[in-house]
Amino acid sequence: MANPRISGVAQENPGPDSVLSLYLELHSLTESMRQHAGDGDWEKVAALEKQRQLLIERLAGCDVGEREVENVREIVQHIMELNTELLAASAALRDTLAADLTDLKRSRKAENAYRKNR
């Protein structure tokens, strides 16, 4: 779900090289990751995460100007909320895959036991 406060920040139309525009891009990548996770497209999530990490590295060397602090704070707060959703979705997938793997191992054991007793 899009955050209306973030949409309002985006309407201020920051310059393409501003720190604010980089944080908005980070937000957009994170939102896309959440959407793709919801669709089960984990390959796309992984590809976007690589892009996001590069952007985070780029932002690590940037200073936030006084006029951008509040907007950046709101963006980062929403990114953190999206990250929480992503973590929950990935944990659910992990649990599902673990259960599937356990079922597969049980099936193989049963099949092997059947073959031995034939």
Protein backbone atom coordinates (compact mmCIF):
# COMPACT_ATOMS: atom_id res chain seq x y z
CA MET A 1 0.00 0.00 0.00
CA ALA A 2 1.45 3.38 -0.98
CA ASN A 3 2.05 5.83 1.80
CA PRO A 4 0.27 9.15 1.06
CA ARG A 5 2.98 11.11 2.84
CA ILE A 6 5.58 9.64 0.49
CA SER A 7 3.42 10.52 -2.49
CA GLY A 8 3.29 14.08 -1.21
CA VAL A 9 7.06 14.19 -0.96
CA ALA A 10 7.37 12.93 -4.51
CA GLN A 11 5.14 15.76 -5.75
CA GLU A 12 7.74 18.29 -4.63
CA ASN A 13 9.70 17.15 -7.69
CA PRO A 14 13.27 17.13 -6.38
CA GLY A 15 16.14 17.42 -8.84
CA PRO A 16 17.49 14.15 -10.22
CA ASP A 17 20.78 14.48 -8.32
CA SER A 18 19.35 15.50 -4.96
CA VAL A 19 19.66 13.26 -1.94
CA LEU A 20 15.88 13.37 -1.62
CA SER A 21 15.46 11.96 -5.15
CA LEU A 22 17.83 9.11 -4.28
CA TYR A 23 15.78 8.28 -1.18
CA LEU A 24 12.61 8.39 -3.27
CA GLU A 25 14.24 5.97 -5.72
CA LEU A 26 15.17 3.72 -2.79
CA HIS A 27 11.57 3.83 -1.62
CA SER A 28 10.33 2.97 -5.11
CA LEU A 29 12.69 -0.02 -5.36
CA THR A 30 11.58 -1.26 -1.94
CA GLU A 31 7.90 -0.87 -2.85
CA SER A 32 8.51 -2.82 -6.08
CA MET A 33 10.24 -5.55 -4.09
CA ARG A 34 7.24 -5.82 -1.78
CA GLN A 35 4.86 -6.05 -4.73
CA HIS A 36 6.92 -8.75 -6.45
CA ALA A 37 7.21 -10.67 -3.18
CA GLY A 38 3.42 -10.59 -2.90
CA ASP A 39 3.24 -12.01 -6.42
CA GLY A 40 5.74 -14.72 -5.52
CA ASP A 41 8.34 -13.43 -7.99
CA TRP A 42 11.37 -13.93 -5.76
CA GLU A 43 13.83 -13.78 -8.66
CA LYS A 44 12.69 -10.22 -9.37
CA VAL A 45 12.90 -9.41 -5.65
CA ALA A 46 16.52 -10.60 -5.61
CA ALA A 47 17.39 -8.55 -8.69
CA LEU A 48 15.81 -5.43 -7.20
CA GLU A 49 17.64 -6.04 -3.92
CA LYS A 50 20.96 -5.90 -5.79
CA GLN A 51 19.95 -2.54 -7.29
CA ARG A 52 18.80 -1.35 -3.89
CA GLN A 53 22.08 -2.29 -2.23
CA LEU A 54 24.01 -0.26 -4.81
CA LEU A 55 21.78 2.72 -4.12
CA ILE A 56 22.21 2.31 -0.36
CA GLU A 57 25.99 2.29 -0.83
CA ARG A 58 25.69 5.46 -2.89
CA LEU A 59 23.55 7.10 -0.20
CA ALA A 60 26.04 6.18 2.53
CA GLY A 61 28.32 8.95 1.31
CA CYS A 62 25.61 11.59 1.07
CA ASP A 63 24.71 14.28 3.55
CA VAL A 64 21.07 15.18 4.00
CA GLY A 65 20.45 18.91 3.88
CA GLU A 66 18.47 20.62 6.62
CA ARG A 67 15.55 21.25 4.27
CA GLU A 68 15.38 17.54 3.35
CA VAL A 69 15.71 15.99 6.82
CA GLU A 70 12.01 15.67 7.60
CA ASN A 71 11.12 14.30 4.16
CA VAL A 72 14.01 11.82 4.25
CA ARG A 73 12.96 10.72 7.75
CA GLU A 74 9.43 9.97 6.53
CA ILE A 75 10.74 8.08 3.50
CA VAL A 76 13.14 6.01 5.60
CA GLN A 77 10.40 5.24 8.11
CA HIS A 78 8.17 3.92 5.32
CA ILE A 79 11.06 1.94 3.81
CA MET A 80 11.50 0.30 7.21
CA GLU A 81 7.80 -0.63 7.24
CA LEU A 82 8.14 -2.13 3.77
CA ASN A 83 11.24 -4.05 4.90
CA THR A 84 9.23 -5.52 7.77
CA GLU A 85 6.64 -6.75 5.26
CA LEU A 86 9.39 -8.18 3.04
CA LEU A 87 10.95 -10.00 5.96
CA ALA A 88 7.60 -11.47 6.95
CA ALA A 89 6.95 -12.65 3.38
CA SER A 90 10.40 -14.20 3.07
CA ALA A 91 10.05 -15.92 6.45
CA ALA A 92 6.71 -17.37 5.35
CA LEU A 93 8.29 -18.63 2.13
CA ARG A 94 11.20 -20.12 4.07
CA ASP A 95 8.78 -21.96 6.36
CA THR A 96 6.78 -23.27 3.41
CA LEU A 97 9.93 -24.48 1.65
CA ALA A 98 11.18 -26.13 4.85
CA ALA A 99 7.86 -27.96 5.25
CA ASP A 100 7.96 -29.05 1.60
CA LEU A 101 11.50 -30.32 2.03
CA THR A 102 10.51 -32.26 5.15
CA ASP A 103 7.59 -33.83 3.26
CA LEU A 104 9.90 -34.75 0.38
CA LYS A 105 12.37 -36.42 2.76
CA ARG A 106 9.53 -38.40 4.37
CA SER A 107 8.30 -39.52 0.96
CA ARG A 108 11.78 -40.66 -0.04
CA LYS A 109 12.22 -42.57 3.20
CA ALA A 110 8.88 -44.28 2.68
CA GLU A 111 9.76 -45.09 -0.92
CA ASN A 112 13.14 -46.52 0.11
CA ALA A 113 11.51 -48.62 2.85
CA TYR A 114 8.96 -49.92 0.34
CA ARG A 115 11.69 -50.88 -2.15
CA LYS A 116 13.66 -52.73 0.53
CA ASN A 117 10.62 -54.78 1.53
CA ARG A 118 9.53 -55.69 -1.99
